[in-house]
Amino acid sequence: MNINEIQTEEKRKILEGLEKVYEKLLEFKRLQNSELVVLRDNKIVKIKPQPQP
C-alpha cells in the first residue's frame, strides 16, 4: 500500500464516521423535539428536523 492509498482509506473512514455522527445527531434532535441550528447563506437558522418516513 502506498501513501495515497493509505490517505484515501483514512479519508473514507473519516467521512463514513462523520455521516454516522450526523445521523445520530438528527435522531437525537427528533427524539428531543428540538431545533437544529445551521448556517445558511452566512445566517444562523434554526430548523425542526423532519420525522423519518
PDB file of N, CA and C in Angstrom:
ATOM      1  N   MET A   1       0.845  -1.182   0.000  1.00  0.00           N
ATOM      2  CA  MET A   1       0.000   0.000   0.000  1.00  0.00           C
ATOM      3  C   MET A   1       0.889   1.244   0.000  1.00  0.00           C
ATOM      4  N   ASN A   2       0.629   2.136  -0.928  1.00  0.00           N
ATOM      5  CA  ASN A   2       1.411   3.366  -0.945  1.00  0.00           C
ATOM      6  C   ASN A   2       0.700   4.454  -0.131  1.00  0.00           C
ATOM      7  N   ILE A   3       1.345   5.591  -0.007  1.00  0.00           N
ATOM      8  CA  ILE A   3       0.842   6.674   0.852  1.00  0.00           C
ATOM      9  C   ILE A   3      -0.517   7.191   0.369  1.00  0.00           C
ATOM     10  N   ASN A   4      -0.723   7.264  -0.951  1.00  0.00           N
ATOM     11  CA  ASN A   4      -2.010   7.751  -1.472  1.00  0.00           C
ATOM     12  C   ASN A   4      -3.152   6.809  -1.129  1.00  0.00           C
ATOM     13  N   GLU A   5      -2.904   5.514  -1.209  1.00  0.00           N
ATOM     14  CA  GLU A   5      -3.938   4.538  -0.868  1.00  0.00           C
ATOM     15  C   GLU A   5      -4.284   4.611   0.611  1.00  0.00           C
ATOM     16  N   ILE A   6      -3.261   4.798   1.449  1.00  0.00           N
ATOM     17  CA  ILE A   6      -3.482   4.909   2.893  1.00  0.00           C
ATOM     18  C   ILE A   6      -4.310   6.155   3.200  1.00  0.00           C
ATOM     19  N   GLN A   7      -3.946   7.283   2.582  1.00  0.00           N
ATOM     20  CA  GLN A   7      -4.682   8.528   2.814  1.00  0.00           C
ATOM     21  C   GLN A   7      -6.116   8.423   2.312  1.00  0.00           C
ATOM     22  N   THR A   8      -6.311   7.769   1.181  1.00  0.00           N
ATOM     23  CA  THR A   8      -7.655   7.595   0.637  1.00  0.00           C
ATOM     24  C   THR A   8      -8.506   6.756   1.577  1.00  0.00           C
ATOM     25  N   GLU A   9      -7.932   5.686   2.111  1.00  0.00           N
ATOM     26  CA  GLU A   9      -8.654   4.820   3.043  1.00  0.00           C
ATOM     27  C   GLU A   9      -9.000   5.580   4.326  1.00  0.00           C
ATOM     28  N   GLU A  10      -8.051   6.351   4.849  1.00  0.00           N
ATOM     29  CA  GLU A  10      -8.308   7.137   6.061  1.00  0.00           C
ATOM     30  C   GLU A  10      -9.395   8.178   5.808  1.00  0.00           C
ATOM     31  N   LYS A  11      -9.340   8.826   4.652  1.00  0.00           N
ATOM     32  CA  LYS A  11     -10.350   9.831   4.302  1.00  0.00           C
ATOM     33  C   LYS A  11     -11.734   9.193   4.238  1.00  0.00           C
ATOM     34  N   ARG A  12     -11.818   8.007   3.630  1.00  0.00           N
ATOM     35  CA  ARG A  12     -13.094   7.300   3.519  1.00  0.00           C
ATOM     36  C   ARG A  12     -13.647   6.970   4.901  1.00  0.00           C
ATOM     37  N   LYS A  13     -12.768   6.511   5.799  1.00  0.00           N
ATOM     38  CA  LYS A  13     -13.200   6.158   7.153  1.00  0.00           C
ATOM     39  C   LYS A  13     -13.676   7.389   7.920  1.00  0.00           C
ATOM     40  N   ILE A  14     -12.970   8.498   7.765  1.00  0.00           N
ATOM     41  CA  ILE A  14     -13.359   9.741   8.445  1.00  0.00           C
ATOM     42  C   ILE A  14     -14.724  10.210   7.949  1.00  0.00           C
ATOM     43  N   LEU A  15     -14.923  10.217   6.638  1.00  0.00           N
ATOM     44  CA  LEU A  15     -16.204  10.656   6.075  1.00  0.00           C
ATOM     45  C   LEU A  15     -17.340   9.732   6.496  1.00  0.00           C
ATOM     46  N   GLU A  16     -17.073   8.443   6.543  1.00  0.00           N
ATOM     47  CA  GLU A  16     -18.081   7.479   6.987  1.00  0.00           C
ATOM     48  C   GLU A  16     -18.460   7.741   8.448  1.00  0.00           C
ATOM     49  N   GLY A  17     -17.462   8.033   9.275  1.00  0.00           N
ATOM     50  CA  GLY A  17     -17.721   8.345  10.679  1.00  0.00           C
ATOM     51  C   GLY A  17     -18.532   9.621  10.839  1.00  0.00           C
ATOM     52  N   LEU A  18     -18.214  10.640  10.050  1.00  0.00           N
ATOM     53  CA  LEU A  18     -18.959  11.898  10.107  1.00  0.00           C
ATOM     54  C   LEU A  18     -20.419  11.695   9.709  1.00  0.00           C
ATOM     55  N   GLU A  19     -20.659  10.853   8.718  1.00  0.00           N
ATOM     56  CA  GLU A  19     -22.037  10.568   8.311  1.00  0.00           C
ATOM     57  C   GLU A  19     -22.813   9.897   9.438  1.00  0.00           C
ATOM     58  N   LYS A  20     -22.166   8.968  10.152  1.00  0.00           N
ATOM     59  CA  LYS A  20     -22.827   8.286  11.271  1.00  0.00           C
ATOM     60  C   LYS A  20     -23.152   9.269  12.393  1.00  0.00           C
ATOM     61  N   VAL A  21     -22.220  10.158  12.694  1.00  0.00           N
ATOM     62  CA  VAL A  21     -22.440  11.153  13.746  1.00  0.00           C
ATOM     63  C   VAL A  21     -23.595  12.076  13.364  1.00  0.00           C
ATOM     64  N   TYR A  22     -23.659  12.489  12.105  1.00  0.00           N
ATOM     65  CA  TYR A  22     -24.733  13.364  11.638  1.00  0.00           C
ATOM     66  C   TYR A  22     -26.091  12.681  11.777  1.00  0.00           C
ATOM     67  N   GLU A  23     -26.161  11.411  11.396  1.00  0.00           N
ATOM     68  CA  GLU A  23     -27.416  10.671  11.525  1.00  0.00           C
ATOM     69  C   GLU A  23     -27.834  10.548  12.990  1.00  0.00           C
ATOM     70  N   LYS A  24     -26.876  10.308  13.875  1.00  0.00           N
ATOM     71  CA  LYS A  24     -27.188  10.210  15.304  1.00  0.00           C
ATOM     72  C   LYS A  24     -27.656  11.554  15.851  1.00  0.00           C
ATOM     73  N   LEU A  25     -27.061  12.641  15.372  1.00  0.00           N
ATOM     74  CA  LEU A  25     -27.477  13.977  15.796  1.00  0.00           C
ATOM     75  C   LEU A  25     -28.922  14.236  15.387  1.00  0.00           C
ATOM     76  N   LEU A  26     -29.260  13.918  14.144  1.00  0.00           N
ATOM     77  CA  LEU A  26     -30.639  14.118  13.683  1.00  0.00           C
ATOM     78  C   LEU A  26     -31.613  13.265  14.480  1.00  0.00           C
ATOM     79  N   GLU A  27     -31.242  12.026  14.747  1.00  0.00           N
ATOM     80  CA  GLU A  27     -32.102  11.142  15.538  1.00  0.00           C
ATOM     81  C   GLU A  27     -32.320  11.720  16.938  1.00  0.00           C
ATOM     82  N   PHE A  28     -31.260  12.221  17.557  1.00  0.00           N
ATOM     83  CA  PHE A  28     -31.356  12.817  18.886  1.00  0.00           C
ATOM     84  C   PHE A  28     -32.272  14.039  18.871  1.00  0.00           C
ATOM     85  N   LYS A  29     -32.102  14.898  17.875  1.00  0.00           N
ATOM     86  CA  LYS A  29     -32.919  16.110  17.772  1.00  0.00           C
ATOM     87  C   LYS A  29     -34.393  15.759  17.562  1.00  0.00           C
ATOM     88  N   ARG A  30     -34.668  14.703  16.783  1.00  0.00           N
ATOM     89  CA  ARG A  30     -36.054  14.269  16.582  1.00  0.00           C
ATOM     90  C   ARG A  30     -36.653  13.776  17.892  1.00  0.00           C
ATOM     91  N   LEU A  31     -35.897  12.958  18.620  1.00  0.00           N
ATOM     92  CA  LEU A  31     -36.396  12.409  19.880  1.00  0.00           C
ATOM     93  C   LEU A  31     -36.654  13.504  20.909  1.00  0.00           C
ATOM     94  N   GLN A  32     -35.799  14.514  20.944  1.00  0.00           N
ATOM     95  CA  GLN A  32     -35.936  15.606  21.897  1.00  0.00           C
ATOM     96  C   GLN A  32     -36.894  16.692  21.403  1.00  0.00           C
ATOM     97  N   ASN A  33     -37.328  16.567  20.143  1.00  0.00           N
ATOM     98  CA  ASN A  33     -38.187  17.571  19.515  1.00  0.00           C
ATOM     99  C   ASN A  33     -37.567  18.965  19.634  1.00  0.00           C
ATOM    100  N   SER A  34     -36.279  19.030  19.336  1.00  0.00           N
ATOM    101  CA  SER A  34     -35.570  20.301  19.437  1.00  0.00           C
ATOM    102  C   SER A  34     -35.063  20.746  18.069  1.00  0.00           C
ATOM    103  N   GLU A  35     -34.751  22.015  17.974  1.00  0.00           N
ATOM    104  CA  GLU A  35     -34.327  22.599  16.709  1.00  0.00           C
ATOM    105  C   GLU A  35     -32.864  22.296  16.427  1.00  0.00           C
ATOM    106  N   LEU A  36     -32.560  22.242  15.151  1.00  0.00           N
ATOM    107  CA  LEU A  36     -31.198  22.060  14.680  1.00  0.00           C
ATOM    108  C   LEU A  36     -30.711  23.426  14.210  1.00  0.00           C
ATOM    109  N   VAL A  37     -29.561  23.862  14.684  1.00  0.00           N
ATOM    110  CA  VAL A  37     -29.029  25.173  14.322  1.00  0.00           C
ATOM    111  C   VAL A  37     -27.988  24.977  13.224  1.00  0.00           C
ATOM    112  N   VAL A  38     -28.204  25.643  12.082  1.00  0.00           N
ATOM    113  CA  VAL A  38     -27.308  25.519  10.935  1.00  0.00           C
ATOM    114  C   VAL A  38     -26.964  26.904  10.393  1.00  0.00           C
ATOM    115  N   LEU A  39     -25.954  26.955   9.557  1.00  0.00           N
ATOM    116  CA  LEU A  39     -25.549  28.197   8.906  1.00  0.00           C
ATOM    117  C   LEU A  39     -25.948  28.113   7.437  1.00  0.00           C
ATOM    118  N   ARG A  40     -26.810  29.037   7.002  1.00  0.00           N
ATOM    119  CA  ARG A  40     -27.246  29.107   5.604  1.00  0.00           C
ATOM    120  C   ARG A  40     -27.054  30.520   5.104  1.00  0.00           C
ATOM    121  N   ASP A  41     -26.334  30.659   4.006  1.00  0.00           N
ATOM    122  CA  ASP A  41     -26.093  31.979   3.409  1.00  0.00           C
ATOM    123  C   ASP A  41     -25.567  32.966   4.447  1.00  0.00           C
ATOM    124  N   ASN A  42     -24.617  32.512   5.256  1.00  0.00           N
ATOM    125  CA  ASN A  42     -23.989  33.329   6.301  1.00  0.00           C
ATOM    126  C   ASN A  42     -24.976  33.831   7.348  1.00  0.00           C
ATOM    127  N   LYS A  43     -26.078  33.109   7.529  1.00  0.00           N
ATOM    128  CA  LYS A  43     -27.052  33.444   8.564  1.00  0.00           C
ATOM    129  C   LYS A  43     -27.310  32.205   9.405  1.00  0.00           C
ATOM    130  N   ILE A  44     -27.463  32.402  10.701  1.00  0.00           N
ATOM    131  CA  ILE A  44     -27.779  31.302  11.600  1.00  0.00           C
ATOM    132  C   ILE A  44     -29.275  31.040  11.522  1.00  0.00           C
ATOM    133  N   VAL A  45     -29.629  29.787  11.245  1.00  0.00           N
ATOM    134  CA  VAL A  45     -31.029  29.406  11.049  1.00  0.00           C
ATOM    135  C   VAL A  45     -31.341  28.222  11.945  1.00  0.00           C
ATOM    136  N   LYS A  46     -32.515  28.252  12.583  1.00  0.00           N
ATOM    137  CA  LYS A  46     -32.988  27.132  13.397  1.00  0.00           C
ATOM    138  C   LYS A  46     -34.061  26.401  12.607  1.00  0.00           C
ATOM    139  N   ILE A  47     -33.895  25.087  12.474  1.00  0.00           N
ATOM    140  CA  ILE A  47     -34.882  24.292  11.745  1.00  0.00           C
ATOM    141  C   ILE A  47     -35.288  23.085  12.575  1.00  0.00           C
ATOM    142  N   LYS A  48     -36.512  22.648  12.365  1.00  0.00           N
ATOM    143  CA  LYS A  48     -37.006  21.440  13.026  1.00  0.00           C
ATOM    144  C   LYS A  48     -36.651  20.248  12.148  1.00  0.00           C
ATOM    145  N   PRO A  49     -36.054  19.216  12.712  1.00  0.00           N
ATOM    146  CA  PRO A  49     -35.787  18.023  11.902  1.00  0.00           C
ATOM    147  C   PRO A  49     -37.101  17.351  11.501  1.00  0.00           C
ATOM    148  N   GLN A  50     -37.182  16.905  10.280  1.00  0.00           N
ATOM    149  CA  GLN A  50     -38.381  16.245   9.773  1.00  0.00           C
ATOM    150  C   GLN A  50     -38.452  14.824  10.314  1.00  0.00           C
ATOM    151  N   PRO A  51     -39.650  14.341  10.625  1.00  0.00           N
ATOM    152  CA  PRO A  51     -39.778  12.946  11.055  1.00  0.00           C
ATOM    153  C   PRO A  51     -39.369  12.007   9.931  1.00  0.00           C
ATOM    154  N   GLN A  52     -38.810  10.874  10.311  1.00  0.00           N
ATOM    155  CA  GLN A  52     -38.402   9.903   9.303  1.00  0.00           C
ATOM    156  C   GLN A  52     -39.624   9.270   8.669  1.00  0.00           C
ATOM    157  N   PRO A  53     -39.553   9.023   7.355  1.00  0.00           N
ATOM    158  CA  PRO A  53     -40.706   8.411   6.669  1.00  0.00           C
ATOM    159  C   PRO A  53     -40.897   6.964   7.069  1.00  0.00           C
TER     160      PRO A  53
END
